[in-house]
């Protein structure tokens, strides 16, 4: 099944050469959770701060469904 994955800021570089943001449709298996997906992409989990599933804050243990949109953000600092 296909889902939309959005990786923001420094996380984008783990799946793309372009910095800043990765957006893409990817194929995942049935019963896969968000955290399982992120680990399969070799994202360093200590760099994941916020996860959104279809625009709603998620914990990561949610099972993905066809057409879901996942957004992942690292910690952000600024002034």
Protein backbone atom coordinates (compact mmCIF):
# COMPACT_ATOMS: atom_id res chain seq x y z
CA UNK A 1 0.00 0.00 0.00
CA UNK A 2 1.13 3.55 -0.62
CA UNK A 3 1.52 6.38 1.87
CA UNK A 4 2.90 9.90 1.62
CA UNK A 5 6.02 10.55 3.71
CA UNK A 6 7.24 14.05 4.53
CA UNK A 7 10.61 14.44 6.26
CA UNK A 8 11.51 17.96 7.31
CA UNK A 9 14.75 19.89 7.94
CA UNK A 10 17.75 17.68 8.77
CA UNK A 11 15.76 14.43 8.46
CA UNK A 12 15.33 14.86 4.70
CA UNK A 13 18.96 14.03 4.00
CA UNK A 14 18.48 10.43 5.17
CA UNK A 15 16.40 9.59 2.08
CA UNK A 16 17.25 12.40 -0.35
CA UNK A 17 20.25 14.41 -1.46
CA UNK A 18 18.23 17.59 -1.17
CA UNK A 19 18.29 19.32 2.19
CA UNK A 20 15.30 20.89 3.84
CA UNK A 21 12.43 18.62 2.93
CA UNK A 22 11.65 15.24 1.40
CA UNK A 23 8.14 14.48 0.19
CA UNK A 24 7.37 11.26 -1.55
CA UNK A 25 4.97 8.43 -2.00
CA UNK A 26 6.38 5.17 -0.71
CA UNK A 27 5.22 1.58 -0.54
CA UNK A 28 4.78 -0.06 2.87
CA UNK A 29 3.53 -3.48 3.92
CA UNK A 30 0.29 -4.24 5.71
CA UNK A 31 0.40 -3.82 9.48
CA UNK A 32 3.48 -1.56 9.49
CA UNK A 33 3.59 1.11 12.19
CA UNK A 34 5.07 4.57 11.76
CA UNK A 35 8.07 3.71 13.95
CA UNK A 36 8.73 0.52 11.99
CA UNK A 37 8.70 2.55 8.78
CA UNK A 38 11.11 5.16 10.16
CA UNK A 39 13.50 2.49 11.45
CA UNK A 40 13.42 0.71 8.06
CA UNK A 41 14.64 3.99 6.50
CA UNK A 42 17.54 4.09 8.99
CA UNK A 43 16.37 7.36 10.50
CA UNK A 44 18.17 7.99 13.80
CA UNK A 45 15.26 7.92 16.24
CA UNK A 46 17.03 10.29 18.63
CA UNK A 47 16.67 12.94 15.91
CA UNK A 48 12.90 12.48 15.57
CA UNK A 49 10.96 14.92 17.73
CA UNK A 50 7.45 15.23 16.26
CA UNK A 51 5.38 12.84 14.19
CA UNK A 52 2.09 13.68 12.53
CA UNK A 53 -0.33 11.24 10.95
CA UNK A 54 -2.85 12.88 8.62
CA UNK A 55 -2.24 16.23 10.32
CA UNK A 56 -2.72 14.93 13.88
CA UNK A 57 0.09 14.45 16.44
CA UNK A 58 1.04 10.75 16.57
CA UNK A 59 3.04 8.58 18.98
CA UNK A 60 4.47 6.34 16.29
CA UNK A 61 2.75 3.08 17.22
CA UNK A 62 -0.15 3.75 14.86
CA UNK A 63 -0.60 1.20 12.06
CA UNK A 64 -0.40 2.82 8.63
CA UNK A 65 -3.30 2.63 6.18
CA UNK A 66 -3.49 3.19 2.43
CA UNK A 67 -3.22 6.89 1.60
CA UNK A 68 -2.00 8.03 5.02
CA UNK A 69 0.19 11.14 5.22
CA UNK A 70 3.10 11.02 7.68
CA UNK A 71 5.10 14.11 8.65
CA UNK A 72 8.29 13.84 10.71
CA UNK A 73 10.19 16.73 12.28
CA UNK A 74 13.52 16.92 14.15
CA UNK A 75 13.95 19.13 17.25
CA UNK A 76 13.92 22.76 16.21
CA UNK A 77 15.73 25.63 17.89
CA UNK A 78 15.75 29.24 17.03
CA UNK A 79 15.68 32.71 18.31
